[in-house]
Amino acid sequence: MAGCGRDLLNVDARISVHQAQVAESLEEPLKVIEQNEQAYRELFHENPQQITTLCHIANNLGYSHSTVGSHEKAKSWFETSEKWWHLAVKNGDEPGDRPARHIVDHARCLVHLKEYAKAENMLDFCISRLKTEYPLDWAMLAQ
């Protein structure tokens, strides 16, 4: 659930994100999905939109859908997350590529969908990035 909430001012969305974090700790992926979808809906309709936060929530939804085996839905959420990230970069809110862990999550989903070539390209790109990001995420590298 990393990345969610740092700029989150909407109280209902903040509560949903925290409830999703609790559900994740309790290994309740369907509840994680429900709470993150609620937070996403709340924030999507805000003006101005919290683009980076929407990106992170969409990535978390992709990860959660992948966890429950809904890989097509997961792919859609990962693509949504990527679009939000590109918009954040365009607006000057974020520098460069999306976090490597987002790309690894997306690539893992593509492996389940047998989109091996695209997944391999994404993972090749991420390995060197993961080695240079701080803090070093050994678990992500091991995958």
C-alpha atoms as a PDB file:
ATOM      1  CA  MET A   1       0.000   0.000   0.000  1.00  0.00           C
ATOM      2  CA  ALA A   2       3.013   2.203  -0.314  1.00  0.00           C
ATOM      3  CA  GLY A   3       2.496   5.646  -1.680  1.00  0.00           C
ATOM      4  CA  CYS A   4      -1.109   6.059  -0.673  1.00  0.00           C
ATOM      5  CA  GLY A   5      -2.125   8.763   1.667  1.00  0.00           C
ATOM      6  CA  ARG A   6       0.857  11.102   1.765  1.00  0.00           C
ATOM      7  CA  ASP A   7      -1.217  13.920   0.210  1.00  0.00           C
ATOM      8  CA  LEU A   8      -4.598  12.404   0.912  1.00  0.00           C
ATOM      9  CA  LEU A   9      -6.887  15.083   2.348  1.00  0.00           C
ATOM     10  CA  ASN A  10     -10.250  13.492   1.606  1.00  0.00           C
ATOM     11  CA  VAL A  11     -11.244  11.916   4.940  1.00  0.00           C
ATOM     12  CA  ASP A  12     -13.449   9.209   3.413  1.00  0.00           C
ATOM     13  CA  ALA A  13     -10.728   8.215   0.967  1.00  0.00           C
ATOM     14  CA  ARG A  14      -8.092   8.252   3.726  1.00  0.00           C
ATOM     15  CA  ILE A  15     -10.253   5.946   5.873  1.00  0.00           C
ATOM     16  CA  SER A  16     -10.763   3.585   2.926  1.00  0.00           C
ATOM     17  CA  VAL A  17      -7.011   3.455   2.254  1.00  0.00           C
ATOM     18  CA  HIS A  18      -6.301   2.669   5.907  1.00  0.00           C
ATOM     19  CA  GLN A  19      -9.028   0.019   5.960  1.00  0.00           C
ATOM     20  CA  ALA A  20      -7.455  -1.514   2.859  1.00  0.00           C
ATOM     21  CA  GLN A  21      -4.100  -1.620   4.655  1.00  0.00           C
ATOM     22  CA  VAL A  22      -5.696  -3.428   7.599  1.00  0.00           C
ATOM     23  CA  ALA A  23      -7.428  -5.878   5.258  1.00  0.00           C
ATOM     24  CA  GLU A  24      -4.105  -6.518   3.534  1.00  0.00           C
ATOM     25  CA  SER A  25      -2.500  -7.324   6.897  1.00  0.00           C
ATOM     26  CA  LEU A  26      -5.375  -9.704   7.621  1.00  0.00           C
ATOM     27  CA  GLU A  27      -4.918 -11.338   4.193  1.00  0.00           C
ATOM     28  CA  GLU A  28      -8.369 -10.335   2.950  1.00  0.00           C
ATOM     29  CA  PRO A  29      -7.690  -9.383  -0.675  1.00  0.00           C
ATOM     30  CA  LEU A  30     -11.356  -8.925  -1.623  1.00  0.00           C
ATOM     31  CA  LYS A  31     -11.750  -6.399   1.191  1.00  0.00           C
ATOM     32  CA  VAL A  32      -8.547  -4.690   0.013  1.00  0.00           C
ATOM     33  CA  ILE A  33     -10.083  -4.355  -3.439  1.00  0.00           C
ATOM     34  CA  GLU A  34     -13.375  -3.039  -2.062  1.00  0.00           C
ATOM     35  CA  GLN A  35     -11.698  -0.394   0.102  1.00  0.00           C
ATOM     36  CA  ASN A  36      -9.228   0.733  -2.564  1.00  0.00           C
ATOM     37  CA  GLU A  37     -11.999   0.990  -5.158  1.00  0.00           C
ATOM     38  CA  GLN A  38     -13.925   3.191  -2.726  1.00  0.00           C
ATOM     39  CA  ALA A  39     -10.884   5.420  -2.178  1.00  0.00           C
ATOM     40  CA  TYR A  40     -10.243   5.588  -5.924  1.00  0.00           C
ATOM     41  CA  ARG A  41     -13.855   6.637  -6.629  1.00  0.00           C
ATOM     42  CA  GLU A  42     -13.693   9.315  -3.923  1.00  0.00           C
ATOM     43  CA  LEU A  43     -10.458  10.779  -5.241  1.00  0.00           C
ATOM     44  CA  PHE A  44     -11.281  10.441  -8.933  1.00  0.00           C
ATOM     45  CA  HIS A  45     -14.075  12.986  -8.582  1.00  0.00           C
ATOM     46  CA  GLU A  46     -12.048  15.567  -6.663  1.00  0.00           C
ATOM     47  CA  ASN A  47     -10.914  18.766  -8.290  1.00  0.00           C
ATOM     48  CA  PRO A  48      -8.004  19.062  -8.481  1.00  0.00           C
ATOM     49  CA  GLN A  49      -7.235  15.382  -8.731  1.00  0.00           C
ATOM     50  CA  GLN A  50      -4.422  13.894  -6.644  1.00  0.00           C
ATOM     51  CA  ILE A  51      -2.778  12.270  -9.640  1.00  0.00           C
ATOM     52  CA  THR A  52       0.097  10.506  -7.887  1.00  0.00           C
ATOM     53  CA  THR A  53      -2.210   9.118  -5.213  1.00  0.00           C
ATOM     54  CA  LEU A  54      -4.614   7.844  -7.892  1.00  0.00           C
ATOM     55  CA  CYS A  55      -1.619   6.191  -9.562  1.00  0.00           C
ATOM     56  CA  HIS A  56      -0.631   4.363  -6.375  1.00  0.00           C
ATOM     57  CA  ILE A  57      -4.181   3.269  -5.580  1.00  0.00           C
ATOM     58  CA  ALA A  58      -4.639   1.981  -9.146  1.00  0.00           C
ATOM     59  CA  ASN A  59      -1.390   0.024  -8.807  1.00  0.00           C
ATOM     60  CA  ASN A  60      -2.576  -1.434  -5.497  1.00  0.00           C
ATOM     61  CA  LEU A  61      -5.818  -2.456  -7.196  1.00  0.00           C
ATOM     62  CA  GLY A  62      -3.849  -4.150  -9.954  1.00  0.00           C
ATOM     63  CA  TYR A  63      -1.767  -6.008  -7.395  1.00  0.00           C
ATOM     64  CA  SER A  64      -4.847  -7.069  -5.418  1.00  0.00           C
ATOM     65  CA  HIS A  65      -6.752  -8.247  -8.493  1.00  0.00           C
ATOM     66  CA  SER A  66      -3.694 -10.227  -9.538  1.00  0.00           C
ATOM     67  CA  THR A  67      -3.566 -11.770  -6.054  1.00  0.00           C
ATOM     68  CA  VAL A  68      -7.099 -13.136  -6.450  1.00  0.00           C
ATOM     69  CA  GLY A  69      -6.428 -14.370  -9.990  1.00  0.00           C
ATOM     70  CA  SER A  70      -8.331 -11.644 -11.869  1.00  0.00           C
ATOM     71  CA  HIS A  71      -5.404 -10.967 -14.160  1.00  0.00           C
ATOM     72  CA  GLU A  72      -7.324  -9.146 -16.914  1.00  0.00           C
ATOM     73  CA  LYS A  73      -8.749  -6.703 -14.347  1.00  0.00           C
ATOM     74  CA  ALA A  74      -5.300  -6.428 -12.812  1.00  0.00           C
ATOM     75  CA  LYS A  75      -3.800  -5.557 -16.194  1.00  0.00           C
ATOM     76  CA  SER A  76      -6.403  -2.852 -16.694  1.00  0.00           C
ATOM     77  CA  TRP A  77      -5.612  -1.321 -13.293  1.00  0.00           C
ATOM     78  CA  PHE A  78      -1.859  -1.461 -13.943  1.00  0.00           C
ATOM     79  CA  GLU A  79      -2.407   0.329 -17.259  1.00  0.00           C
ATOM     80  CA  THR A  80      -4.546   2.921 -15.468  1.00  0.00           C
ATOM     81  CA  SER A  81      -1.781   3.395 -12.907  1.00  0.00           C
ATOM     82  CA  GLU A  82       0.764   3.874 -15.694  1.00  0.00           C
ATOM     83  CA  LYS A  83      -1.432   6.522 -17.355  1.00  0.00           C
ATOM     84  CA  TRP A  84      -1.757   8.426 -14.070  1.00  0.00           C
ATOM     85  CA  TRP A  85       2.017   8.282 -13.585  1.00  0.00           C
ATOM     86  CA  HIS A  86       2.682   9.667 -17.067  1.00  0.00           C
ATOM     87  CA  LEU A  87       0.230  12.486 -16.331  1.00  0.00           C
ATOM     88  CA  ALA A  88       2.007  13.206 -13.017  1.00  0.00           C
ATOM     89  CA  VAL A  89       5.333  13.400 -14.860  1.00  0.00           C
ATOM     90  CA  LYS A  90       3.833  15.670 -17.514  1.00  0.00           C
ATOM     91  CA  ASN A  91       2.483  17.960 -14.769  1.00  0.00           C
ATOM     92  CA  GLY A  92       5.872  18.052 -13.050  1.00  0.00           C
ATOM     93  CA  ASP A  93       4.576  16.228  -9.958  1.00  0.00           C
ATOM     94  CA  GLU A  94       6.893  13.220 -10.394  1.00  0.00           C
ATOM     95  CA  PRO A  95      10.278  12.706 -12.057  1.00  0.00           C
ATOM     96  CA  GLY A  96      10.796  10.077 -14.762  1.00  0.00           C
ATOM     97  CA  ASP A  97       9.581   6.514 -14.779  1.00  0.00           C
ATOM     98  CA  ARG A  98       7.086   5.066 -12.364  1.00  0.00           C
ATOM     99  CA  PRO A  99       8.465   3.192  -9.370  1.00  0.00           C
ATOM    100  CA  ALA A 100      10.221  -0.042 -10.274  1.00  0.00           C
ATOM    101  CA  ARG A 101       7.959  -2.028  -7.944  1.00  0.00           C
ATOM    102  CA  HIS A 102       4.945  -0.842  -9.971  1.00  0.00           C
ATOM    103  CA  ILE A 103       6.571  -2.125 -13.142  1.00  0.00           C
ATOM    104  CA  VAL A 104       7.470  -5.457 -11.519  1.00  0.00           C
ATOM    105  CA  ASP A 105       3.880  -5.904 -10.288  1.00  0.00           C
ATOM    106  CA  HIS A 106       2.619  -5.139 -13.796  1.00  0.00           C
ATOM    107  CA  ALA A 107       5.135  -7.536 -15.386  1.00  0.00           C
ATOM    108  CA  ARG A 108       4.176 -10.350 -13.000  1.00  0.00           C
ATOM    109  CA  CYS A 109       0.558  -9.897 -14.069  1.00  0.00           C
ATOM    110  CA  LEU A 110       1.588 -10.099 -17.734  1.00  0.00           C
ATOM    111  CA  VAL A 111       3.373 -13.397 -17.040  1.00  0.00           C
ATOM    112  CA  HIS A 112       0.072 -14.821 -15.778  1.00  0.00           C
ATOM    113  CA  LEU A 113      -1.546 -13.611 -19.006  1.00  0.00           C
ATOM    114  CA  LYS A 114       1.245 -15.282 -21.033  1.00  0.00           C
ATOM    115  CA  GLU A 115       2.448 -11.928 -22.388  1.00  0.00           C
ATOM    116  CA  TYR A 116       6.018 -13.078 -21.857  1.00  0.00           C
ATOM    117  CA  ALA A 117       7.893 -10.772 -24.221  1.00  0.00           C
ATOM    118  CA  LYS A 118       6.414  -7.596 -22.766  1.00  0.00           C
ATOM    119  CA  ALA A 119       6.887  -8.893 -19.204  1.00  0.00           C
ATOM    120  CA  GLU A 120      10.520  -9.769 -19.937  1.00  0.00           C
ATOM    121  CA  ASN A 121      11.220  -6.284 -21.325  1.00  0.00           C
ATOM    122  CA  MET A 122       9.677  -4.681 -18.263  1.00  0.00           C
ATOM    123  CA  LEU A 123      11.641  -6.903 -15.881  1.00  0.00           C
ATOM    124  CA  ASP A 124      14.925  -6.384 -17.734  1.00  0.00           C
ATOM    125  CA  PHE A 125      14.378  -2.648 -17.407  1.00  0.00           C
ATOM    126  CA  CYS A 126      13.604  -2.920 -13.686  1.00  0.00           C
ATOM    127  CA  ILE A 127      16.438  -5.088 -12.430  1.00  0.00           C
ATOM    128  CA  SER A 128      19.068  -2.359 -12.667  1.00  0.00           C
ATOM    129  CA  ARG A 129      16.634   0.225 -11.273  1.00  0.00           C
ATOM    130  CA  LEU A 130      15.762  -1.941  -8.291  1.00  0.00           C
ATOM    131  CA  LYS A 131      19.460  -2.224  -7.447  1.00  0.00           C
ATOM    132  CA  THR A 132      19.811   1.570  -7.289  1.00  0.00           C
ATOM    133  CA  GLU A 133      16.562   2.558  -5.548  1.00  0.00           C
ATOM    134  CA  TYR A 134      16.629   3.356  -1.868  1.00  0.00           C
ATOM    135  CA  PRO A 135      15.795   1.550   0.272  1.00  0.00           C
ATOM    136  CA  LEU A 136      16.988  -1.559  -1.561  1.00  0.00           C
ATOM    137  CA  ASP A 137      14.056  -3.952  -1.935  1.00  0.00           C
ATOM    138  CA  TRP A 138      15.622  -7.416  -1.837  1.00  0.00           C
ATOM    139  CA  ALA A 139      12.241  -9.139  -1.883  1.00  0.00           C
ATOM    140  CA  MET A 140      11.307  -7.453  -5.152  1.00  0.00           C
ATOM    141  CA  LEU A 141      14.689  -8.327  -6.671  1.00  0.00           C
ATOM    142  CA  ALA A 142      14.284 -11.962  -5.628  1.00  0.00           C
ATOM    143  CA  GLN A 143      11.036 -12.337  -7.524  1.00  0.00           C
END
